Amino acid sequence: MRPGLDYREPEPGALLVSVLARHPELALALAERLEFEFGPLDLSSFWLSFAHSRYYEAEMGPFLGRYIFFFAEPLPRERLVEAKRFTDCLEAEFVAGEGRRVNLDPGYLALDHLILASTKAVPHRPYLGKGVYADLTLVYECGQYIPLRWSYPDYASDYVRALCGDVRNKILQRRKQGLWR
């Protein structure tokens, strides 16, 4: 090892899971399963209309919406791959006919960015392992989370960015209390 080289692990992030579905009741029922795996919820978005894209309509039907659930337990960043693999298995339990009834997308919020896990390889997504890629969705600059040109419109919304800011403040509070490790 080169003298003076420091291999410190980064601070954990706040795990989030987006639950996309036609019915809010199904999404809320899944929150219980997610809590069993990841620990208690800390914060949830309102039910958000998914009207900006028709990407999932052929598979899941029209009038989709989503909740974004943030979890209280710190997530070591390297566990994002495991979280994605778990949510993919959970999705498979809710297949109806030819398509899914839910789409689950985990990620983590850190003080400096929001990363979502994806199985789709595109140029701006570095490979993490086991078929999972990291999608840098928001970066923290000048006191707020800022979208990038490829950020999904719902994550780029003022509401979701403010929600991320609230979670960031909670991370900072817990860090001061020695509870964020």
Protein backbone atom coordinates (compact mmCIF):
# COMPACT_ATOMS: atom_id res chain seq x y z
CA MET A 1 0.00 0.00 0.00
CA ARG A 2 1.26 3.47 -0.88
CA PRO A 3 2.24 5.49 2.24
CA GLY A 4 -0.39 8.04 3.21
CA LEU A 5 -3.14 6.42 1.14
CA ASP A 6 -6.38 6.32 3.09
CA TYR A 7 -9.00 3.68 2.26
CA ARG A 8 -11.86 4.98 4.39
CA GLU A 9 -15.36 3.71 3.79
CA PRO A 10 -17.88 6.44 2.93
CA GLU A 11 -20.59 7.38 5.35
CA PRO A 12 -23.76 5.28 4.88
CA GLY A 13 -26.75 6.60 3.01
CA ALA A 14 -30.45 6.66 3.75
CA LEU A 15 -32.10 3.78 1.90
CA LEU A 16 -35.10 4.69 -0.19
CA VAL A 17 -37.43 2.47 -2.18
CA SER A 18 -39.79 3.82 -4.81
CA VAL A 19 -42.94 1.72 -5.18
CA LEU A 20 -44.71 2.27 -8.50
CA ALA A 21 -48.18 0.72 -8.81
CA ARG A 22 -51.74 1.37 -10.01
CA HIS A 23 -53.20 1.30 -6.53
CA PRO A 24 -51.84 3.11 -3.45
CA GLU A 25 -53.16 0.29 -1.24
CA LEU A 26 -50.83 -2.22 -2.89
CA ALA A 27 -47.87 0.12 -2.50
CA LEU A 28 -48.66 0.64 1.17
CA ALA A 29 -49.00 -3.11 1.73
CA LEU A 30 -45.54 -3.55 0.26
CA ALA A 31 -44.18 -1.02 2.76
CA GLU A 32 -44.71 -3.64 5.48
CA ARG A 33 -42.67 -6.22 3.55
CA LEU A 34 -39.95 -3.66 2.95
CA GLU A 35 -39.85 -2.74 6.64
CA PHE A 36 -39.42 -6.41 7.54
CA GLU A 37 -36.30 -6.49 5.32
CA PHE A 38 -34.86 -2.99 5.82
CA GLY A 39 -36.15 -1.81 9.19
CA PRO A 40 -38.65 0.92 10.05
CA LEU A 41 -39.76 3.63 7.67
CA ASP A 42 -38.56 7.10 8.52
CA LEU A 43 -40.38 9.21 5.95
CA SER A 44 -42.74 8.74 3.02
CA SER A 45 -43.76 10.87 0.09
CA PHE A 46 -47.37 11.52 -0.75
CA TRP A 47 -48.89 9.35 -3.49
CA LEU A 48 -47.29 10.83 -6.62
CA SER A 49 -48.94 10.62 -10.02
CA PHE A 50 -46.73 8.97 -12.63
CA ALA A 51 -48.26 10.95 -15.51
CA HIS A 52 -45.00 12.24 -17.03
CA SER A 53 -44.22 8.92 -18.76
CA ARG A 54 -46.14 6.05 -20.34
CA TYR A 55 -43.14 3.71 -20.16
CA TYR A 56 -44.78 1.19 -17.79
CA GLU A 57 -48.39 1.42 -19.05
CA ALA A 58 -48.21 -1.53 -21.47
CA GLU A 59 -47.06 -3.80 -18.65
CA MET A 60 -48.78 -2.31 -15.59
CA GLY A 61 -51.75 -0.39 -16.95
CA PRO A 62 -52.69 3.30 -16.89
CA PHE A 63 -53.02 5.74 -13.97
CA LEU A 64 -49.85 4.73 -12.19
CA GLY A 65 -48.49 6.42 -9.10
CA ARG A 66 -45.72 5.96 -6.60
CA TYR A 67 -44.66 6.33 -3.03
CA ILE A 68 -41.05 6.96 -2.15
CA PHE A 69 -40.24 5.40 1.22
CA PHE A 70 -37.15 6.41 3.18
CA PHE A 71 -35.88 4.04 5.89
CA ALA A 72 -34.48 4.97 9.29
CA GLU A 73 -31.51 2.56 9.39
CA PRO A 74 -28.29 3.75 7.73
CA LEU A 75 -27.43 1.72 4.62
CA PRO A 76 -23.78 0.93 3.90
CA ARG A 77 -23.48 2.02 0.29
CA GLU A 78 -22.08 -1.29 -0.90
CA ARG A 79 -25.36 -2.95 0.15
CA LEU A 80 -27.29 -1.19 -2.63
CA VAL A 81 -26.75 -4.19 -4.92
CA GLU A 82 -28.30 -6.52 -2.32
CA ALA A 83 -31.22 -4.13 -1.86
CA LYS A 84 -31.87 -4.10 -5.62
CA ARG A 85 -31.72 -7.88 -5.85
CA PHE A 86 -34.16 -8.19 -2.93
CA THR A 87 -36.64 -5.72 -4.44
CA ASP A 88 -36.46 -7.50 -7.81
CA CYS A 89 -37.39 -10.79 -6.08
CA LEU A 90 -40.23 -9.05 -4.27
CA GLU A 91 -41.51 -7.62 -7.58
CA ALA A 92 -41.59 -11.13 -9.00
CA GLU A 93 -44.07 -12.15 -6.30
CA PHE A 94 -46.53 -9.62 -7.72
CA VAL A 95 -46.56 -10.66 -11.38
CA ALA A 96 -50.02 -10.91 -12.92
CA GLY A 97 -50.34 -12.48 -16.36
CA GLU A 98 -47.58 -11.08 -18.55
CA GLY A 99 -46.53 -8.17 -16.37
CA ARG A 100 -45.68 -6.80 -12.99
CA ARG A 101 -48.18 -5.14 -10.70
CA VAL A 102 -45.42 -3.15 -8.98
CA ASN A 103 -42.05 -1.71 -9.87
CA LEU A 104 -39.62 -1.32 -6.96
CA ASP A 105 -36.56 0.89 -7.29
CA PRO A 106 -34.17 1.18 -4.35
CA GLY A 107 -31.49 3.79 -3.94
CA TYR A 108 -29.72 5.73 -1.28
CA LEU A 109 -29.56 9.37 -0.34
CA ALA A 110 -26.19 10.63 0.85
CA LEU A 111 -25.24 14.13 1.90
CA ASP A 112 -23.77 14.76 -1.56
CA HIS A 113 -26.06 12.85 -3.94
CA LEU A 114 -28.97 10.52 -4.63
CA ILE A 115 -28.16 7.22 -6.31
CA LEU A 116 -30.81 4.86 -7.68
CA ALA A 117 -30.11 1.22 -8.52
CA SER A 118 -30.95 0.04 -12.02
CA THR A 119 -30.58 -3.09 -14.13
CA LYS A 120 -30.48 -1.01 -17.33
CA ALA A 121 -27.02 -0.28 -18.70
CA VAL A 122 -26.66 3.19 -20.19
CA PRO A 123 -23.51 5.32 -20.54
CA HIS A 124 -24.00 7.43 -17.38
CA ARG A 125 -24.52 4.41 -15.08
CA PRO A 126 -21.40 2.75 -13.65
CA TYR A 127 -21.61 -0.97 -13.04
CA LEU A 128 -21.79 -2.05 -9.37
CA GLY A 129 -21.93 -5.84 -9.78
CA LYS A 130 -24.44 -8.71 -10.06
CA GLY A 131 -26.27 -6.99 -12.94
CA VAL A 132 -26.85 -3.72 -11.05
CA TYR A 133 -25.86 -0.21 -12.13
CA ALA A 134 -25.71 3.07 -10.20
CA ASP A 135 -27.80 5.94 -11.55
CA LEU A 136 -26.58 9.29 -10.24
CA THR A 137 -29.94 11.09 -10.08
CA LEU A 138 -29.42 14.21 -7.95
CA VAL A 139 -26.32 16.03 -6.66
CA TYR A 140 -26.21 18.37 -3.67
CA GLU A 141 -24.95 21.85 -4.57
CA CYS A 142 -25.54 25.33 -3.18
CA GLY A 143 -27.87 24.12 -0.41
CA GLN A 144 -30.15 21.88 -2.48
CA TYR A 145 -30.36 18.70 -4.49
CA ILE A 146 -30.00 19.49 -8.18
CA PRO A 147 -31.25 17.25 -11.03
CA LEU A 148 -29.02 16.22 -13.90
CA ARG A 149 -30.01 16.17 -17.56
CA TRP A 150 -30.93 12.47 -17.35
CA SER A 151 -32.76 12.68 -14.00
CA TYR A 152 -36.27 11.28 -14.03
CA PRO A 153 -38.83 14.12 -14.02
CA ASP A 154 -40.48 12.98 -10.79
CA TYR A 155 -37.15 12.92 -8.94
CA ALA A 156 -36.30 16.32 -10.46
CA SER A 157 -39.54 17.81 -9.06
CA ASP A 158 -39.37 20.46 -6.37
CA TYR A 159 -41.40 18.22 -4.05
CA VAL A 160 -39.06 15.20 -4.21
CA ARG A 161 -35.95 17.38 -4.00
CA ALA A 162 -37.38 19.08 -0.88
CA LEU A 163 -38.18 15.66 0.59
CA CYS A 164 -34.56 14.66 -0.01
CA GLY A 165 -33.50 17.87 1.73
CA ASP A 166 -35.61 16.89 4.76
CA VAL A 167 -33.97 13.47 4.88
CA ARG A 168 -30.54 15.10 4.54
CA ASN A 169 -31.30 17.27 7.57
CA LYS A 170 -32.26 14.15 9.53
CA ILE A 171 -28.96 12.51 8.55
CA LEU A 172 -27.08 15.57 9.80
CA GLN A 173 -29.00 15.51 13.11
CA ARG A 174 -28.34 11.81 13.63
CA ARG A 175 -24.70 12.30 12.73
CA LYS A 176 -24.37 14.97 15.47
CA GLN A 177 -25.97 12.55 17.93
CA GLY A 178 -23.53 9.81 16.90
CA LEU A 179 -26.37 7.68 15.50
CA TRP A 180 -25.40 7.70 11.81
CA ARG A 181 -22.72 5.09 11.11
